[in-house]
């Protein structure tokens, strides 16, 4: 399977970096073709410019600044997002990537009088999230998990019907221990391997 891993964390020594390495190593060892998009390492600009916003709804607009990113999501059959959950959602870097890359006429066609929104991402059959959360499980649920919903409901809507999903979170990350992190990485390896089997 062709799998795009989208990673968003500014610190190379972070636990999220260890998670990302575990995900990529697990997928590669299973024989999948993997591409890694490390948003901070590549210096991705998450800010939607004035010009981009004005042209956002126009067919034929210039997507050259994000062409490689659109090509990656058109190439993949599965996507796995690795990021820390901050304020119950994605880091601004990842949210900016979604806003700048998942654009009309690149990933979907806008609705018209004759038909509804038309997805161009029907080749994506799996979307996964592997994240960390400072808050406990119950508080994330109480707030409504906006980050999880953005990807596993919003982005999933643009993918293949019946798209499979995976959500994993190390809750109470601020109180984590070497033992809890080691156990989580073992779970990540097992769940990710099974998810794309």
C-alpha atoms as a PDB file:
ATOM      1  CA  UNK A   1       0.000   0.000   0.000  1.00  0.00           C
ATOM      2  CA  UNK A   2       1.143   3.562  -0.689  1.00  0.00           C
ATOM      3  CA  UNK A   3       1.050   5.436   2.610  1.00  0.00           C
ATOM      4  CA  UNK A   4       1.621   9.113   3.350  1.00  0.00           C
ATOM      5  CA  UNK A   5       2.679   9.921   6.914  1.00  0.00           C
ATOM      6  CA  UNK A   6       2.082  13.565   7.807  1.00  0.00           C
ATOM      7  CA  UNK A   7       4.093  14.602  10.857  1.00  0.00           C
ATOM      8  CA  UNK A   8       3.812  17.869  12.770  1.00  0.00           C
ATOM      9  CA  UNK A   9       6.004  18.671  15.772  1.00  0.00           C
ATOM     10  CA  UNK A  10       8.701  21.344  16.059  1.00  0.00           C
ATOM     11  CA  UNK A  11      11.123  19.428  18.307  1.00  0.00           C
ATOM     12  CA  UNK A  12      13.244  16.606  16.903  1.00  0.00           C
ATOM     13  CA  UNK A  13      13.794  15.147  20.381  1.00  0.00           C
ATOM     14  CA  UNK A  14      10.065  14.970  21.193  1.00  0.00           C
ATOM     15  CA  UNK A  15       8.105  11.845  22.008  1.00  0.00           C
ATOM     16  CA  UNK A  16       6.068  12.580  18.897  1.00  0.00           C
ATOM     17  CA  UNK A  17       9.284  12.160  16.895  1.00  0.00           C
ATOM     18  CA  UNK A  18       9.663   8.695  18.436  1.00  0.00           C
ATOM     19  CA  UNK A  19       6.052   7.935  17.526  1.00  0.00           C
ATOM     20  CA  UNK A  20       6.622   9.060  13.945  1.00  0.00           C
ATOM     21  CA  UNK A  21       9.735   6.887  13.649  1.00  0.00           C
ATOM     22  CA  UNK A  22       7.798   3.902  15.019  1.00  0.00           C
ATOM     23  CA  UNK A  23       4.997   4.455  12.488  1.00  0.00           C
ATOM     24  CA  UNK A  24       7.354   4.805   9.520  1.00  0.00           C
ATOM     25  CA  UNK A  25       9.538   1.851  10.582  1.00  0.00           C
ATOM     26  CA  UNK A  26       6.484  -0.365  11.156  1.00  0.00           C
ATOM     27  CA  UNK A  27       5.010   0.442   7.745  1.00  0.00           C
ATOM     28  CA  UNK A  28       8.317   0.052   5.927  1.00  0.00           C
ATOM     29  CA  UNK A  29       9.051  -3.287   7.618  1.00  0.00           C
ATOM     30  CA  UNK A  30       5.637  -4.539   6.459  1.00  0.00           C
ATOM     31  CA  UNK A  31       6.571  -3.779   2.842  1.00  0.00           C
ATOM     32  CA  UNK A  32       4.477  -0.643   2.313  1.00  0.00           C
ATOM     33  CA  UNK A  33       5.678   2.244   0.174  1.00  0.00           C
ATOM     34  CA  UNK A  34       5.955   5.182   2.570  1.00  0.00           C
ATOM     35  CA  UNK A  35       6.380   8.902   2.063  1.00  0.00           C
ATOM     36  CA  UNK A  36       6.974  11.151   5.075  1.00  0.00           C
ATOM     37  CA  UNK A  37       5.896  14.784   5.108  1.00  0.00           C
ATOM     38  CA  UNK A  38       7.635  16.449   8.065  1.00  0.00           C
ATOM     39  CA  UNK A  39       6.020  19.876   8.045  1.00  0.00           C
ATOM     40  CA  UNK A  40       8.404  21.611  10.460  1.00  0.00           C
ATOM     41  CA  UNK A  41      11.549  20.071   8.971  1.00  0.00           C
ATOM     42  CA  UNK A  42      10.634  21.240   5.497  1.00  0.00           C
ATOM     43  CA  UNK A  43       9.660  24.707   6.721  1.00  0.00           C
ATOM     44  CA  UNK A  44       6.102  24.505   5.415  1.00  0.00           C
ATOM     45  CA  UNK A  45       4.337  27.862   5.581  1.00  0.00           C
ATOM     46  CA  UNK A  46       0.932  27.235   7.205  1.00  0.00           C
ATOM     47  CA  UNK A  47      -0.353  30.766   6.606  1.00  0.00           C
ATOM     48  CA  UNK A  48      -3.036  31.122   3.953  1.00  0.00           C
ATOM     49  CA  UNK A  49      -2.046  34.298   2.132  1.00  0.00           C
ATOM     50  CA  UNK A  50      -4.417  37.039   1.013  1.00  0.00           C
ATOM     51  CA  UNK A  51      -3.838  36.058  -2.617  1.00  0.00           C
ATOM     52  CA  UNK A  52      -4.525  32.377  -1.903  1.00  0.00           C
ATOM     53  CA  UNK A  53      -7.753  33.191  -0.100  1.00  0.00           C
ATOM     54  CA  UNK A  54      -8.987  35.450  -2.891  1.00  0.00           C
ATOM     55  CA  UNK A  55      -8.301  32.713  -5.463  1.00  0.00           C
ATOM     56  CA  UNK A  56      -9.481  29.849  -3.215  1.00  0.00           C
ATOM     57  CA  UNK A  57     -12.764  29.172  -5.031  1.00  0.00           C
ATOM     58  CA  UNK A  58     -11.472  29.726  -8.552  1.00  0.00           C
ATOM     59  CA  UNK A  59     -10.867  26.791 -10.906  1.00  0.00           C
ATOM     60  CA  UNK A  60      -7.476  26.949 -12.587  1.00  0.00           C
ATOM     61  CA  UNK A  61      -5.845  28.900  -9.762  1.00  0.00           C
ATOM     62  CA  UNK A  62      -2.083  28.592  -9.285  1.00  0.00           C
ATOM     63  CA  UNK A  63      -1.393  25.658  -6.957  1.00  0.00           C
ATOM     64  CA  UNK A  64       2.353  25.679  -7.670  1.00  0.00           C
ATOM     65  CA  UNK A  65       3.387  26.501  -4.055  1.00  0.00           C
ATOM     66  CA  UNK A  66       1.572  23.385  -2.785  1.00  0.00           C
ATOM     67  CA  UNK A  67       1.821  21.186  -5.885  1.00  0.00           C
ATOM     68  CA  UNK A  68       4.147  18.621  -4.261  1.00  0.00           C
ATOM     69  CA  UNK A  69       1.786  18.232  -1.311  1.00  0.00           C
ATOM     70  CA  UNK A  70      -1.243  17.756  -3.557  1.00  0.00           C
ATOM     71  CA  UNK A  71       0.753  15.214  -5.593  1.00  0.00           C
ATOM     72  CA  UNK A  72       1.530  13.259  -2.402  1.00  0.00           C
ATOM     73  CA  UNK A  73      -2.108  13.012  -1.342  1.00  0.00           C
ATOM     74  CA  UNK A  74      -3.110  12.029  -4.880  1.00  0.00           C
ATOM     75  CA  UNK A  75      -0.390   9.340  -4.795  1.00  0.00           C
ATOM     76  CA  UNK A  76      -1.277   7.719  -1.475  1.00  0.00           C
ATOM     77  CA  UNK A  77      -3.874   5.096  -0.650  1.00  0.00           C
ATOM     78  CA  UNK A  78      -3.656   5.712   3.090  1.00  0.00           C
ATOM     79  CA  UNK A  79      -2.712   8.610   5.345  1.00  0.00           C
ATOM     80  CA  UNK A  80      -1.482   8.533   8.910  1.00  0.00           C
ATOM     81  CA  UNK A  81      -1.202  11.773  10.865  1.00  0.00           C
ATOM     82  CA  UNK A  82       1.252  12.010  13.760  1.00  0.00           C
ATOM     83  CA  UNK A  83       0.995  15.120  15.898  1.00  0.00           C
ATOM     84  CA  UNK A  84       0.512  16.381  19.459  1.00  0.00           C
ATOM     85  CA  UNK A  85      -3.013  17.434  20.384  1.00  0.00           C
ATOM     86  CA  UNK A  86      -2.734  21.026  21.582  1.00  0.00           C
ATOM     87  CA  UNK A  87      -5.860  22.779  22.861  1.00  0.00           C
ATOM     88  CA  UNK A  88      -7.860  19.728  21.724  1.00  0.00           C
ATOM     89  CA  UNK A  89      -6.878  20.091  18.070  1.00  0.00           C
ATOM     90  CA  UNK A  90      -4.028  19.957  15.605  1.00  0.00           C
ATOM     91  CA  UNK A  91      -0.990  22.227  15.921  1.00  0.00           C
ATOM     92  CA  UNK A  92      -1.380  25.407  13.852  1.00  0.00           C
ATOM     93  CA  UNK A  93       1.212  24.024  11.424  1.00  0.00           C
ATOM     94  CA  UNK A  94      -0.942  20.998  10.589  1.00  0.00           C
ATOM     95  CA  UNK A  95      -4.189  22.982  10.529  1.00  0.00           C
ATOM     96  CA  UNK A  96      -2.526  25.376   8.092  1.00  0.00           C
ATOM     97  CA  UNK A  97      -1.452  22.433   5.916  1.00  0.00           C
ATOM     98  CA  UNK A  98      -5.068  21.259   5.750  1.00  0.00           C
ATOM     99  CA  UNK A  99      -6.281  24.745   4.849  1.00  0.00           C
ATOM    100  CA  UNK A 100      -3.636  25.355   2.175  1.00  0.00           C
ATOM    101  CA  UNK A 101      -3.418  21.872   0.620  1.00  0.00           C
ATOM    102  CA  UNK A 102      -6.935  20.399   0.770  1.00  0.00           C
ATOM    103  CA  UNK A 103      -8.289  22.974  -1.675  1.00  0.00           C
ATOM    104  CA  UNK A 104     -11.113  23.095  -4.207  1.00  0.00           C
ATOM    105  CA  UNK A 105     -10.168  21.733  -7.641  1.00  0.00           C
ATOM    106  CA  UNK A 106      -7.120  20.083  -6.084  1.00  0.00           C
ATOM    107  CA  UNK A 107      -8.781  17.611  -3.722  1.00  0.00           C
ATOM    108  CA  UNK A 108     -12.484  18.203  -4.374  1.00  0.00           C
ATOM    109  CA  UNK A 109     -14.834  20.069  -6.696  1.00  0.00           C
ATOM    110  CA  UNK A 110     -17.280  22.562  -5.265  1.00  0.00           C
ATOM    111  CA  UNK A 111     -21.012  21.852  -5.423  1.00  0.00           C
ATOM    112  CA  UNK A 112     -23.043  23.255  -8.298  1.00  0.00           C
ATOM    113  CA  UNK A 113     -26.752  23.525  -9.055  1.00  0.00           C
ATOM    114  CA  UNK A 114     -26.544  20.051 -10.656  1.00  0.00           C
ATOM    115  CA  UNK A 115     -24.494  18.094  -8.111  1.00  0.00           C
ATOM    116  CA  UNK A 116     -23.074  18.199  -4.619  1.00  0.00           C
ATOM    117  CA  UNK A 117     -19.446  18.384  -3.596  1.00  0.00           C
ATOM    118  CA  UNK A 118     -17.360  15.964  -5.684  1.00  0.00           C
ATOM    119  CA  UNK A 119     -14.324  14.351  -4.075  1.00  0.00           C
ATOM    120  CA  UNK A 120     -11.098  13.770  -5.975  1.00  0.00           C
ATOM    121  CA  UNK A 121      -9.705  11.608  -3.150  1.00  0.00           C
ATOM    122  CA  UNK A 122     -11.643   8.372  -3.690  1.00  0.00           C
ATOM    123  CA  UNK A 123      -8.359   6.430  -3.817  1.00  0.00           C
ATOM    124  CA  UNK A 124      -7.693   7.020  -0.082  1.00  0.00           C
ATOM    125  CA  UNK A 125      -9.127   4.056   1.830  1.00  0.00           C
ATOM    126  CA  UNK A 126      -7.481   4.500   5.263  1.00  0.00           C
ATOM    127  CA  UNK A 127      -6.960   7.518   7.542  1.00  0.00           C
ATOM    128  CA  UNK A 128      -5.199   7.177  10.879  1.00  0.00           C
ATOM    129  CA  UNK A 129      -4.255   9.480  13.735  1.00  0.00           C
ATOM    130  CA  UNK A 130      -1.523   8.735  16.264  1.00  0.00           C
ATOM    131  CA  UNK A 131      -1.353  11.544  18.789  1.00  0.00           C
ATOM    132  CA  UNK A 132      -0.577  12.623  22.331  1.00  0.00           C
ATOM    133  CA  UNK A 133      -2.893  14.599  24.602  1.00  0.00           C
ATOM    134  CA  UNK A 134      -1.968  16.456  27.763  1.00  0.00           C
ATOM    135  CA  UNK A 135      -5.522  16.209  29.066  1.00  0.00           C
ATOM    136  CA  UNK A 136      -7.187  13.004  30.275  1.00  0.00           C
ATOM    137  CA  UNK A 137      -9.509  10.962  28.065  1.00  0.00           C
ATOM    138  CA  UNK A 138     -12.708  12.245  29.667  1.00  0.00           C
ATOM    139  CA  UNK A 139     -11.804  15.913  29.208  1.00  0.00           C
ATOM    140  CA  UNK A 140     -11.023  15.406  25.520  1.00  0.00           C
ATOM    141  CA  UNK A 141     -14.427  13.734  25.144  1.00  0.00           C
ATOM    142  CA  UNK A 142     -16.149  16.521  27.069  1.00  0.00           C
ATOM    143  CA  UNK A 143     -14.629  19.184  24.803  1.00  0.00           C
ATOM    144  CA  UNK A 144     -15.674  17.173  21.741  1.00  0.00           C
ATOM    145  CA  UNK A 145     -12.299  16.202  20.227  1.00  0.00           C
ATOM    146  CA  UNK A 146     -12.325  18.812  17.442  1.00  0.00           C
ATOM    147  CA  UNK A 147      -8.953  17.650  16.088  1.00  0.00           C
ATOM    148  CA  UNK A 148     -10.130  14.063  15.743  1.00  0.00           C
ATOM    149  CA  UNK A 149     -13.362  15.162  14.056  1.00  0.00           C
ATOM    150  CA  UNK A 150     -11.590  17.427  11.566  1.00  0.00           C
ATOM    151  CA  UNK A 151      -9.658  14.484  10.152  1.00  0.00           C
ATOM    152  CA  UNK A 152     -11.821  11.436  10.785  1.00  0.00           C
ATOM    153  CA  UNK A 153     -15.085  13.102   9.782  1.00  0.00           C
ATOM    154  CA  UNK A 154     -14.214  16.139   7.659  1.00  0.00           C
ATOM    155  CA  UNK A 155     -11.273  14.826   5.640  1.00  0.00           C
ATOM    156  CA  UNK A 156     -12.703  11.291   5.643  1.00  0.00           C
ATOM    157  CA  UNK A 157     -15.796  12.671   3.869  1.00  0.00           C
ATOM    158  CA  UNK A 158     -13.555  13.424   0.873  1.00  0.00           C
ATOM    159  CA  UNK A 159     -12.123   9.901   0.753  1.00  0.00           C
ATOM    160  CA  UNK A 160     -13.328   6.500  -0.427  1.00  0.00           C
ATOM    161  CA  UNK A 161     -16.735   5.390   0.832  1.00  0.00           C
ATOM    162  CA  UNK A 162     -16.203   3.110   3.814  1.00  0.00           C
ATOM    163  CA  UNK A 163     -12.762   4.596   4.470  1.00  0.00           C
ATOM    164  CA  UNK A 164     -11.256   2.835   7.495  1.00  0.00           C
ATOM    165  CA  UNK A 165     -10.088   4.939  10.415  1.00  0.00           C
ATOM    166  CA  UNK A 166      -7.707   4.566  13.331  1.00  0.00           C
ATOM    167  CA  UNK A 167      -7.398   6.846  16.333  1.00  0.00           C
ATOM    168  CA  UNK A 168      -4.766   6.374  19.027  1.00  0.00           C
ATOM    169  CA  UNK A 169      -3.889   8.804  21.802  1.00  0.00           C
ATOM    170  CA  UNK A 170      -1.493   8.761  24.721  1.00  0.00           C
ATOM    171  CA  UNK A 171      -3.635  10.690  27.212  1.00  0.00           C
ATOM    172  CA  UNK A 172      -2.241  12.566  30.227  1.00  0.00           C
ATOM    173  CA  UNK A 173       0.991  13.075  28.317  1.00  0.00           C
ATOM    174  CA  UNK A 174       2.116  15.687  30.830  1.00  0.00           C
ATOM    175  CA  UNK A 175       2.160  12.933  33.468  1.00  0.00           C
ATOM    176  CA  UNK A 176       3.680  10.263  31.235  1.00  0.00           C
ATOM    177  CA  UNK A 177       6.449   7.976  32.410  1.00  0.00           C
ATOM    178  CA  UNK A 178       9.137   6.038  30.549  1.00  0.00           C
ATOM    179  CA  UNK A 179       6.962   2.960  31.089  1.00  0.00           C
ATOM    180  CA  UNK A 180       3.780   4.552  29.706  1.00  0.00           C
ATOM    181  CA  UNK A 181       5.641   5.872  26.661  1.00  0.00           C
ATOM    182  CA  UNK A 182       7.283   2.509  25.980  1.00  0.00           C
ATOM    183  CA  UNK A 183       3.903   0.771  26.264  1.00  0.00           C
ATOM    184  CA  UNK A 184       2.329   3.301  23.917  1.00  0.00           C
ATOM    185  CA  UNK A 185       5.008   2.811  21.262  1.00  0.00           C
ATOM    186  CA  UNK A 186       4.418  -0.944  21.442  1.00  0.00           C
ATOM    187  CA  UNK A 187       0.683  -0.344  20.960  1.00  0.00           C
ATOM    188  CA  UNK A 188       1.401   1.978  18.027  1.00  0.00           C
ATOM    189  CA  UNK A 189       3.509  -0.675  16.326  1.00  0.00           C
ATOM    190  CA  UNK A 190       0.823  -3.327  16.789  1.00  0.00           C
ATOM    191  CA  UNK A 191      -2.207  -1.177  15.851  1.00  0.00           C
ATOM    192  CA  UNK A 192      -0.615   0.501  12.840  1.00  0.00           C
ATOM    193  CA  UNK A 193       0.557  -2.813  11.412  1.00  0.00           C
ATOM    194  CA  UNK A 194      -2.938  -4.267  11.795  1.00  0.00           C
ATOM    195  CA  UNK A 195      -4.645  -1.138  10.428  1.00  0.00           C
ATOM    196  CA  UNK A 196      -3.060  -1.377   6.967  1.00  0.00           C
ATOM    197  CA  UNK A 197      -2.732  -5.152   6.741  1.00  0.00           C
END
